[in-house]
Amino acid sequence: MHIDNGNPIFIARHERETRKALESIVRYDTCGDTISFGVESFDTRVRELNNLGGSVEDIRRAIEPVNEIGGQRVDGIPKLLPEE
């Protein structure tokens, strides 16, 4: 099983709830899974011009629990990592 997209702004703003969801995903997904954030750009001005929502800091905050929870390895392969 693999996950598809994730919303980094939701993760950053609801970290307690998403930690529980991430723990469940990591328990059942296949090693080497990625959660695509669809960031498009880390440039604040580009984000504003394209109405992408959220801040660069929100994205950074979302990466932390995914790395922490999903970074556990099985046979050397991480369970779940964030992807731009």
C-alpha atoms as a PDB file:
ATOM      1  CA  MET A   1       0.000   0.000   0.000  1.00  0.00           C
ATOM      2  CA  HIS A   2       1.204   3.501  -0.810  1.00  0.00           C
ATOM      3  CA  ILE A   3      -0.150   6.934   0.012  1.00  0.00           C
ATOM      4  CA  ASP A   4      -0.539   9.575  -2.679  1.00  0.00           C
ATOM      5  CA  ASN A   5      -0.830  13.281  -1.889  1.00  0.00           C
ATOM      6  CA  GLY A   6      -0.749  15.058   1.437  1.00  0.00           C
ATOM      7  CA  ASN A   7      -1.586  18.622   2.369  1.00  0.00           C
ATOM      8  CA  PRO A   8       1.405  20.169   4.174  1.00  0.00           C
ATOM      9  CA  ILE A   9      -0.642  23.122   5.418  1.00  0.00           C
ATOM     10  CA  PHE A  10      -3.173  20.773   7.057  1.00  0.00           C
ATOM     11  CA  ILE A  11      -0.344  18.738   8.604  1.00  0.00           C
ATOM     12  CA  ALA A  12       1.347  21.868   9.980  1.00  0.00           C
ATOM     13  CA  ARG A  13      -1.850  23.282  11.431  1.00  0.00           C
ATOM     14  CA  HIS A  14      -3.228  19.988  12.816  1.00  0.00           C
ATOM     15  CA  GLU A  15      -0.067  18.217  13.848  1.00  0.00           C
ATOM     16  CA  ARG A  16      -1.528  16.218  16.740  1.00  0.00           C
ATOM     17  CA  GLU A  17      -4.247  14.687  14.566  1.00  0.00           C
ATOM     18  CA  THR A  18      -1.985  14.045  11.600  1.00  0.00           C
ATOM     19  CA  ARG A  19       0.624  12.357  13.778  1.00  0.00           C
ATOM     20  CA  LYS A  20      -1.961   9.673  14.556  1.00  0.00           C
ATOM     21  CA  ALA A  21      -2.782   9.308  10.855  1.00  0.00           C
ATOM     22  CA  LEU A  22       0.911   9.138   9.925  1.00  0.00           C
ATOM     23  CA  GLU A  23       1.492   6.430  12.532  1.00  0.00           C
ATOM     24  CA  SER A  24      -1.293   4.342  10.965  1.00  0.00           C
ATOM     25  CA  ILE A  25       0.026   4.901   7.455  1.00  0.00           C
ATOM     26  CA  VAL A  26       3.557   3.899   8.481  1.00  0.00           C
ATOM     27  CA  ARG A  27       2.231   0.797  10.231  1.00  0.00           C
ATOM     28  CA  TYR A  28       0.583  -0.508   7.048  1.00  0.00           C
ATOM     29  CA  ASP A  29       2.332   1.038   4.037  1.00  0.00           C
ATOM     30  CA  THR A  30       5.090  -0.455   1.947  1.00  0.00           C
ATOM     31  CA  CYS A  31       8.692   0.633   2.575  1.00  0.00           C
ATOM     32  CA  GLY A  32       9.944   3.448   0.377  1.00  0.00           C
ATOM     33  CA  ASP A  33       6.604   5.245   0.287  1.00  0.00           C
ATOM     34  CA  THR A  34       6.482   9.009  -0.281  1.00  0.00           C
ATOM     35  CA  ILE A  35       3.845  11.582   0.562  1.00  0.00           C
ATOM     36  CA  SER A  36       3.715  14.189  -2.185  1.00  0.00           C
ATOM     37  CA  PHE A  37       3.167  17.706  -0.871  1.00  0.00           C
ATOM     38  CA  GLY A  38       2.819  19.481  -4.242  1.00  0.00           C
ATOM     39  CA  VAL A  39       4.786  22.436  -2.914  1.00  0.00           C
ATOM     40  CA  GLU A  40       5.456  23.967  -6.361  1.00  0.00           C
ATOM     41  CA  SER A  41       7.832  26.583  -4.899  1.00  0.00           C
ATOM     42  CA  PHE A  42       9.496  27.635  -1.670  1.00  0.00           C
ATOM     43  CA  ASP A  43       9.704  31.225  -2.907  1.00  0.00           C
ATOM     44  CA  THR A  44       7.229  33.291  -0.889  1.00  0.00           C
ATOM     45  CA  ARG A  45       6.495  35.695  -3.733  1.00  0.00           C
ATOM     46  CA  VAL A  46       5.872  32.874  -6.232  1.00  0.00           C
ATOM     47  CA  ARG A  47       3.542  31.220  -3.714  1.00  0.00           C
ATOM     48  CA  GLU A  48       1.598  34.470  -3.302  1.00  0.00           C
ATOM     49  CA  LEU A  49       1.355  35.144  -7.062  1.00  0.00           C
ATOM     50  CA  ASN A  50       0.063  31.628  -7.691  1.00  0.00           C
ATOM     51  CA  ASN A  51      -2.304  31.627  -4.705  1.00  0.00           C
ATOM     52  CA  LEU A  52      -0.735  28.437  -3.348  1.00  0.00           C
ATOM     53  CA  GLY A  53      -1.742  29.057   0.255  1.00  0.00           C
ATOM     54  CA  GLY A  54       0.188  28.419   3.424  1.00  0.00           C
ATOM     55  CA  SER A  55       3.660  29.617   4.190  1.00  0.00           C
ATOM     56  CA  VAL A  56       7.113  28.202   3.654  1.00  0.00           C
ATOM     57  CA  GLU A  57       7.248  27.760   7.432  1.00  0.00           C
ATOM     58  CA  ASP A  58       4.049  25.659   7.276  1.00  0.00           C
ATOM     59  CA  ILE A  59       5.761  23.379   4.769  1.00  0.00           C
ATOM     60  CA  ARG A  60       8.863  23.067   6.922  1.00  0.00           C
ATOM     61  CA  ARG A  61       6.709  22.283   9.970  1.00  0.00           C
ATOM     62  CA  ALA A  62       4.875  19.576   7.996  1.00  0.00           C
ATOM     63  CA  ILE A  63       8.113  17.896   6.958  1.00  0.00           C
ATOM     64  CA  GLU A  64       9.213  17.370  10.578  1.00  0.00           C
ATOM     65  CA  PRO A  65       6.543  14.870  11.732  1.00  0.00           C
ATOM     66  CA  VAL A  66       6.677  12.995   8.424  1.00  0.00           C
ATOM     67  CA  ASN A  67      10.449  12.582   8.772  1.00  0.00           C
ATOM     68  CA  GLU A  68      10.175  11.704  12.450  1.00  0.00           C
ATOM     69  CA  ILE A  69       7.407   9.123  12.097  1.00  0.00           C
ATOM     70  CA  GLY A  70       8.103   7.926   8.570  1.00  0.00           C
ATOM     71  CA  GLY A  71      11.890   7.895   8.858  1.00  0.00           C
ATOM     72  CA  GLN A  72      11.965   4.517  10.597  1.00  0.00           C
ATOM     73  CA  ARG A  73      13.694   2.015   8.362  1.00  0.00           C
ATOM     74  CA  VAL A  74      12.962  -1.554   7.397  1.00  0.00           C
ATOM     75  CA  ASP A  75      15.907  -3.330   5.775  1.00  0.00           C
ATOM     76  CA  GLY A  76      17.550   0.088   5.410  1.00  0.00           C
ATOM     77  CA  ILE A  77      14.614   1.647   3.539  1.00  0.00           C
ATOM     78  CA  PRO A  78      12.577   4.490   5.110  1.00  0.00           C
ATOM     79  CA  LYS A  79       8.879   3.762   5.520  1.00  0.00           C
ATOM     80  CA  LEU A  80       7.496   7.172   4.468  1.00  0.00           C
ATOM     81  CA  LEU A  81       9.214  10.377   3.408  1.00  0.00           C
ATOM     82  CA  PRO A  82       7.930  13.764   2.206  1.00  0.00           C
ATOM     83  CA  GLU A  83       8.326  14.712  -1.428  1.00  0.00           C
ATOM     84  CA  GLU A  84       8.039  18.121  -3.013  1.00  0.00           C
END
